[in-house]
Amino acid sequence: MLRFAIPSKGSGYDATLALLESCGLRMVRTNPRQYTATLRGLPDTEVLLHRPSEIVEKVAAGSIDLGVAGYDQVAEQRGDDENLLTVYDDLGFWSVELVFAVPQGWVDVSSWQDLADLAVEMRSQGRRLRIATKYPETVRRFCYRQGINYFELIDSQGATEAAPSLGYADIIADITETGTAIRDNRLKIVGGSILHSQAVLIGSRRTLRSDASKLVPVQQLLELIEARRRGRRFYSLTANLMGTSVEAVGRLVTARVELAGLQGPTIAPVWSKFAAEGRGPQWYAVNVVVPQDELLPAVAHLRTVGAVSVSTLQVQHVFQAESEAFARLRAALE
């Protein structure tokens, strides 16, 4: 059995279930109090519900084969551990940034260089810049890269934003989605993003390499997630055009190549409801698949060449010749 862990509750649980269901995979729990489940549509797979931080730890240790976690936690815990693989790098939710925030009253501090200068100044006064954070390894590495060499990291597993007002830290390094909590605690962000994070799919190199049979459901899962994530960016357009032949209509539609679909339009004769009466022009149905940002230009182009009744559908899945994510995983395992 492939051991696949997902967040046990909260927004991560809801978003993961929504992603799986959009891929045609439905989670089944015989008892809502149980922390195990199965996935309809993905055989030989046991779903385990854990806290995201535990998922990273257990995948790294090899007791779980595959899991959903935040990249911020992966970056914090991975270090030099080659056993922890990022199998899919953006599942489409949990988008946050790790940032530095200082009291709003620090009007002269607005950049990482200002923090480096402040740390030097504090050192000359016999103390260190205190940084409250849940991400000590990530922040330590970043500080040294930016020349912030004199600091003390304060472990903060609670409301990190309150640390400066409570007096046990000077500044914070924490994740934020909108910055509201930071502003509400009279802090301001300085510099840019230390780390951009989102939900990722991680895997254990050790267990996936040791049991090739587990790669079968892994490939199926990656195929579905990748095709679904790609499909969300495309629309399928269907329109009716009058014409003298398939070739003539094809030339009109492909006059703007960038709006003519992924590989070109599909064109077929329409059986007109007036055909039995032997009257009326010849109609053709045209179908093209275009990226979302080309939807309106494609509709405008089809109208220009005489299309009527343009209808659209969001594409559910776009499968390529092979799964790029699975090819990368296979290469990493080899």
Protein backbone atom coordinates (compact mmCIF):
# COMPACT_ATOMS: atom_id res chain seq x y z
CA MET A 1 0.00 0.00 0.00
CA LEU A 2 1.14 3.52 -0.80
CA ARG A 3 1.01 5.59 2.40
CA PHE A 4 -0.28 9.02 1.41
CA ALA A 5 -0.65 11.69 4.12
CA ILE A 6 -2.81 14.82 3.94
CA PRO A 7 -3.53 17.58 6.50
CA SER A 8 -5.97 16.36 9.14
CA LYS A 9 -8.05 19.54 9.45
CA GLY A 10 -8.41 23.21 8.58
CA SER A 11 -7.98 24.94 5.24
CA GLY A 12 -5.28 22.48 4.17
CA TYR A 13 -7.65 19.54 4.63
CA ASP A 14 -10.50 21.27 2.76
CA ALA A 15 -8.26 22.40 -0.12
CA THR A 16 -6.63 18.98 -0.48
CA LEU A 17 -10.02 17.26 -0.62
CA ALA A 18 -11.23 19.78 -3.21
CA LEU A 19 -8.15 19.13 -5.36
CA LEU A 20 -8.52 15.36 -5.12
CA GLU A 21 -12.23 15.49 -5.93
CA SER A 22 -11.56 17.73 -8.94
CA CYS A 23 -9.22 14.96 -10.12
CA GLY A 24 -11.99 12.37 -9.75
CA LEU A 25 -10.61 10.95 -6.50
CA ARG A 26 -13.03 10.76 -3.57
CA MET A 27 -11.83 10.15 -0.06
CA VAL A 28 -13.81 7.63 1.97
CA ARG A 29 -13.67 7.54 5.79
CA THR A 30 -15.76 4.85 7.46
CA ASN A 31 -15.60 6.82 10.72
CA PRO A 32 -15.02 10.60 10.91
CA ARG A 33 -12.97 10.05 14.08
CA GLN A 34 -10.54 7.75 12.27
CA TYR A 35 -7.29 9.13 10.92
CA THR A 36 -7.12 6.74 7.99
CA ALA A 37 -9.12 6.63 4.75
CA THR A 38 -9.10 5.31 1.20
CA LEU A 39 -9.31 7.04 -2.17
CA ARG A 40 -11.89 5.85 -4.67
CA GLY A 41 -10.17 5.83 -8.03
CA LEU A 42 -6.68 5.26 -6.63
CA PRO A 43 -6.21 1.61 -5.61
CA ASP A 44 -3.53 0.30 -3.26
CA THR A 45 -3.40 3.64 -1.43
CA GLU A 46 -3.97 4.33 2.26
CA VAL A 47 -4.70 7.94 3.20
CA LEU A 48 -3.31 9.07 6.57
CA LEU A 49 -4.43 12.30 8.24
CA HIS A 50 -1.69 14.18 10.12
CA ARG A 51 -0.59 17.66 11.06
CA PRO A 52 1.45 19.20 8.19
CA SER A 53 4.62 19.45 10.29
CA GLU A 54 4.32 15.75 11.15
CA ILE A 55 3.86 14.90 7.47
CA VAL A 56 7.22 16.47 6.61
CA GLU A 57 8.96 14.67 9.48
CA LYS A 58 7.46 11.27 8.64
CA VAL A 59 8.12 11.52 4.92
CA ALA A 60 11.73 12.43 5.68
CA ALA A 61 11.96 9.46 8.05
CA GLY A 62 10.37 7.11 5.50
CA SER A 63 7.35 6.08 7.57
CA ILE A 64 5.12 7.86 4.99
CA ASP A 65 5.69 7.58 1.23
CA LEU A 66 3.90 10.67 -0.03
CA GLY A 67 2.36 13.73 1.58
CA VAL A 68 0.87 17.21 1.22
CA ALA A 69 2.65 19.98 3.15
CA GLY A 70 3.61 23.64 2.94
CA TYR A 71 6.88 24.41 1.21
CA ASP A 72 7.85 26.65 4.15
CA GLN A 73 7.88 23.60 6.42
CA VAL A 74 9.74 21.52 3.86
CA ALA A 75 12.44 24.17 3.46
CA GLU A 76 12.75 24.51 7.24
CA GLN A 77 13.08 20.80 7.98
CA ARG A 78 14.81 19.44 4.88
CA GLY A 79 18.30 20.93 5.26
CA ASP A 80 20.68 18.55 3.49
CA ASP A 81 18.31 15.56 3.71
CA GLU A 82 18.31 14.08 0.21
CA ASN A 83 15.59 11.61 1.21
CA LEU A 84 12.93 14.35 1.18
CA LEU A 85 11.81 15.01 -2.41
CA THR A 86 9.52 17.73 -3.73
CA VAL A 87 7.39 15.68 -6.11
CA TYR A 88 5.00 18.46 -7.23
CA ASP A 89 5.91 22.04 -6.42
CA ASP A 90 2.56 23.87 -6.48
CA LEU A 91 -0.81 22.30 -5.67
CA GLY A 92 -2.64 25.62 -5.97
CA PHE A 93 -3.34 26.58 -2.37
CA TRP A 94 -1.64 27.75 0.87
CA SER A 95 0.12 30.59 -0.94
CA VAL A 96 1.99 32.64 1.71
CA GLU A 97 5.25 34.53 2.10
CA LEU A 98 7.84 34.47 4.88
CA VAL A 99 8.78 38.07 5.70
CA PHE A 100 10.52 40.25 8.26
CA ALA A 101 8.30 42.68 10.18
CA VAL A 102 9.42 45.43 12.54
CA PRO A 103 7.52 47.95 14.72
CA GLN A 104 5.87 50.69 12.66
CA GLY A 105 7.68 53.26 14.76
CA TRP A 106 11.00 52.23 13.27
CA VAL A 107 10.78 54.81 10.49
CA ASP A 108 14.45 54.46 9.52
CA VAL A 109 14.23 50.70 8.93
CA SER A 110 12.80 49.70 5.55
CA SER A 111 15.23 47.19 4.03
CA TRP A 112 17.34 44.14 4.83
CA GLN A 113 20.44 46.34 4.75
CA ASP A 114 18.85 48.53 7.42
CA LEU A 115 18.40 45.42 9.56
CA ALA A 116 22.05 44.49 9.05
CA ASP A 117 23.11 47.99 10.11
CA LEU A 118 20.77 47.85 13.10
CA ALA A 119 22.22 44.51 14.20
CA VAL A 120 25.74 46.02 14.12
CA GLU A 121 24.55 49.03 16.11
CA MET A 122 22.89 46.83 18.73
CA ARG A 123 26.04 44.74 19.04
CA SER A 124 28.05 47.87 19.83
CA GLN A 125 25.57 48.44 22.67
CA GLY A 126 26.18 44.95 24.04
CA ARG A 127 23.08 43.13 22.81
CA ARG A 128 21.80 41.25 19.79
CA LEU A 129 18.85 41.80 17.47
CA ARG A 130 16.16 39.42 18.71
CA ILE A 131 14.06 37.76 15.98
CA ALA A 132 10.96 35.74 16.92
CA THR A 133 10.16 33.02 14.38
CA LYS A 134 8.86 29.51 13.81
CA TYR A 135 11.47 29.04 11.06
CA PRO A 136 14.89 29.26 12.74
CA GLU A 137 16.89 27.34 10.12
CA THR A 138 15.41 29.21 7.15
CA VAL A 139 15.81 32.60 8.83
CA ARG A 140 19.36 31.86 10.00
CA ARG A 141 20.47 30.92 6.49
CA PHE A 142 18.79 33.98 5.01
CA CYS A 143 20.26 36.40 7.56
CA TYR A 144 23.80 35.24 6.88
CA ARG A 145 23.28 35.57 3.12
CA GLN A 146 22.08 39.16 3.61
CA GLY A 147 24.94 40.16 5.92
CA ILE A 148 22.77 40.20 9.06
CA ASN A 149 25.37 38.53 11.26
CA TYR A 150 24.55 39.57 14.83
CA PHE A 151 21.18 38.28 15.98
CA GLU A 152 19.41 35.92 18.34
CA LEU A 153 16.54 33.69 17.23
CA ILE A 154 13.62 33.38 19.64
CA ASP A 155 11.46 30.28 19.17
CA SER A 156 7.83 31.29 18.72
CA GLN A 157 5.15 28.67 18.20
CA GLY A 158 2.24 30.89 19.20
CA ALA A 159 1.12 34.33 18.00
CA THR A 160 4.46 35.50 16.62
CA GLU A 161 3.07 38.92 15.63
CA ALA A 162 2.68 39.81 19.32
CA ALA A 163 6.32 39.15 20.24
CA PRO A 164 7.60 42.78 19.89
CA SER A 165 4.69 44.25 21.88
CA LEU A 166 5.18 41.63 24.60
CA GLY A 167 8.85 42.51 24.78
CA TYR A 168 10.50 39.14 24.20
CA ALA A 169 11.69 39.99 20.65
CA ASP A 170 12.61 43.09 18.64
CA ILE A 171 11.27 41.94 15.27
CA ILE A 172 9.61 38.88 13.76
CA ALA A 173 10.05 36.61 10.76
CA ASP A 174 6.73 34.96 9.99
CA ILE A 175 4.48 33.85 7.17
CA THR A 176 1.69 36.07 5.91
CA GLU A 177 -0.99 35.84 3.24
CA THR A 178 -2.41 39.37 3.26
CA GLY A 179 -0.32 41.19 5.89
CA THR A 180 -3.44 42.02 7.94
CA ALA A 181 -2.28 40.37 11.17
CA ILE A 182 1.06 42.14 10.88
CA ARG A 183 -0.57 45.54 10.46
CA ASP A 184 -3.06 44.84 13.25
CA ASN A 185 -0.12 44.34 15.62
CA ARG A 186 1.42 47.67 14.57
CA LEU A 187 4.21 46.08 12.57
CA LYS A 188 5.41 46.71 9.02
CA ILE A 189 7.10 44.44 6.48
CA VAL A 190 10.67 45.35 5.55
CA GLY A 191 12.52 44.12 2.48
CA GLY A 192 10.87 41.63 0.17
CA SER A 193 9.86 38.01 0.58
CA ILE A 194 12.32 35.76 2.40
CA LEU A 195 10.55 32.71 1.01
CA HIS A 196 7.46 32.16 -1.13
CA SER A 197 5.53 29.11 -0.01
CA GLN A 198 2.61 27.07 -1.28
CA ALA A 199 1.22 23.57 -0.86
CA VAL A 200 3.54 20.93 -2.33
CA LEU A 201 3.52 17.18 -2.75
CA ILE A 202 6.55 15.57 -1.11
CA GLY A 203 7.87 12.03 -1.25
CA SER A 204 10.36 9.72 0.41
CA ARG A 205 13.21 8.87 -1.94
CA ARG A 206 14.09 5.86 0.22
CA THR A 207 10.69 4.12 0.25
CA LEU A 208 9.71 4.96 -3.34
CA ARG A 209 13.03 3.70 -4.60
CA SER A 210 12.89 0.49 -2.56
CA ASP A 211 9.41 -0.60 -3.74
CA ALA A 212 8.71 0.01 -7.42
CA SER A 213 5.08 -1.14 -7.04
CA LYS A 214 4.33 2.07 -5.12
CA LEU A 215 5.20 4.11 -8.20
CA VAL A 216 2.05 2.85 -9.97
CA PRO A 217 -0.44 4.81 -7.79
CA VAL A 218 2.07 7.68 -7.52
CA GLN A 219 2.11 8.00 -11.31
CA GLN A 220 -1.70 7.88 -11.46
CA LEU A 221 -1.96 10.60 -8.82
CA LEU A 222 0.61 12.82 -10.54
CA GLU A 223 -1.02 12.34 -13.94
CA LEU A 224 -4.37 13.51 -12.56
CA ILE A 225 -3.04 16.44 -10.51
CA GLU A 226 -0.80 17.69 -13.30
CA ALA A 227 -3.51 17.41 -15.96
CA ARG A 228 -6.07 19.09 -13.70
CA ARG A 229 -3.74 21.94 -12.75
CA ARG A 230 -2.88 22.46 -16.42
CA GLY A 231 -6.49 22.15 -17.58
CA ARG A 232 -7.64 24.99 -15.32
CA ARG A 233 -5.71 27.41 -17.55
CA PHE A 234 -7.59 26.50 -20.75
CA TYR A 235 -11.03 26.95 -22.31
CA SER A 236 -12.69 24.97 -25.06
CA LEU A 237 -14.60 27.09 -27.60
CA THR A 238 -17.20 25.77 -30.01
CA ALA A 239 -18.70 27.93 -32.77
CA ASN A 240 -20.65 27.53 -36.02
CA LEU A 241 -19.32 29.04 -39.26
CA MET A 242 -20.66 29.09 -42.79
CA GLY A 243 -18.25 28.00 -45.48
CA THR A 244 -17.72 26.27 -48.76
CA SER A 245 -15.44 23.54 -47.37
CA VAL A 246 -13.49 22.37 -44.30
CA GLU A 247 -10.34 23.80 -45.86
CA ALA A 248 -11.87 27.22 -46.43
CA VAL A 249 -13.13 27.44 -42.85
CA GLY A 250 -9.77 26.18 -41.56
CA ARG A 251 -7.93 28.97 -43.36
CA LEU A 252 -10.23 31.57 -41.79
CA VAL A 253 -9.82 30.22 -38.26
CA THR A 254 -6.03 29.83 -38.49
CA ALA A 255 -5.49 33.31 -39.93
CA ARG A 256 -4.35 34.19 -36.40
CA VAL A 257 -2.22 31.20 -35.45
CA GLU A 258 -1.99 32.10 -31.76
CA LEU A 259 -5.79 31.86 -31.47
CA ALA A 260 -6.23 28.66 -33.43
CA GLY A 261 -6.00 26.19 -30.52
CA LEU A 262 -3.30 24.01 -29.01
CA GLN A 263 -2.63 22.04 -32.21
CA GLY A 264 -5.14 23.76 -34.46
CA PRO A 265 -8.93 23.73 -34.72
CA THR A 266 -11.18 20.71 -35.10
CA ILE A 267 -13.68 21.35 -37.91
CA ALA A 268 -16.64 19.17 -38.87
CA PRO A 269 -19.73 19.61 -41.05
CA VAL A 270 -22.96 20.39 -39.22
CA TRP A 271 -26.10 18.50 -40.18
CA SER A 272 -28.38 21.48 -40.67
CA LYS A 273 -31.98 21.14 -39.58
CA PHE A 274 -32.87 22.52 -43.00
CA ALA A 275 -30.74 19.93 -44.86
CA ALA A 276 -33.68 17.57 -45.40
CA GLU A 277 -35.49 20.36 -47.21
CA GLY A 278 -32.52 20.89 -49.51
CA ARG A 279 -32.04 24.53 -48.61
CA GLY A 280 -29.75 26.67 -46.51
CA PRO A 281 -25.99 27.21 -46.53
CA GLN A 282 -23.36 24.69 -45.40
CA TRP A 283 -22.39 25.11 -41.75
CA TYR A 284 -19.30 23.85 -39.97
CA ALA A 285 -18.66 23.35 -36.26
CA VAL A 286 -15.27 24.65 -35.09
CA ASN A 287 -13.68 23.67 -31.79
CA VAL A 288 -10.50 25.24 -30.41
CA VAL A 289 -8.79 25.04 -27.01
CA VAL A 290 -7.06 28.25 -25.94
CA PRO A 291 -5.32 29.57 -22.78
CA GLN A 292 -7.50 31.59 -20.44
CA ASP A 293 -5.79 34.89 -21.28
CA GLU A 294 -6.61 34.34 -24.97
CA LEU A 295 -10.29 33.53 -24.43
CA LEU A 296 -11.77 36.91 -25.37
CA PRO A 297 -9.33 37.53 -28.29
CA ALA A 298 -10.24 34.09 -29.64
CA VAL A 299 -13.98 34.84 -29.37
CA ALA A 300 -13.43 38.18 -31.13
CA HIS A 301 -11.45 36.48 -33.91
CA LEU A 302 -14.13 33.83 -34.45
CA ARG A 303 -16.77 36.57 -34.66
CA THR A 304 -14.65 38.45 -37.20
CA VAL A 305 -14.58 35.43 -39.52
CA GLY A 306 -18.34 34.96 -39.22
CA ALA A 307 -18.84 32.66 -36.23
CA VAL A 308 -22.17 32.57 -34.44
CA SER A 309 -23.25 30.90 -31.20
CA VAL A 310 -19.82 30.75 -29.58
CA SER A 311 -20.00 28.57 -26.46
CA THR A 312 -17.22 27.86 -23.96
CA LEU A 313 -16.33 25.25 -21.37
CA GLN A 314 -13.46 25.28 -18.92
CA VAL A 315 -11.20 22.33 -19.68
CA GLN A 316 -11.05 19.79 -16.86
CA HIS A 317 -7.80 18.04 -17.72
CA VAL A 318 -5.00 18.47 -20.25
CA PHE A 319 -2.80 15.38 -20.51
CA GLN A 320 0.46 15.62 -22.40
CA ALA A 321 2.48 12.81 -24.00
CA GLU A 322 3.81 11.97 -20.52
CA SER A 323 3.60 13.35 -17.01
CA GLU A 324 6.43 15.82 -16.55
CA ALA A 325 6.19 15.53 -12.76
CA PHE A 326 6.48 11.74 -12.85
CA ALA A 327 9.39 11.92 -15.29
CA ARG A 328 11.21 14.24 -12.86
CA LEU A 329 10.45 11.92 -9.95
CA ARG A 330 11.71 8.89 -11.84
CA ALA A 331 14.92 10.73 -12.70
CA ALA A 332 15.39 11.75 -9.05
CA LEU A 333 14.94 8.16 -7.91
CA GLU A 334 17.44 6.88 -10.45
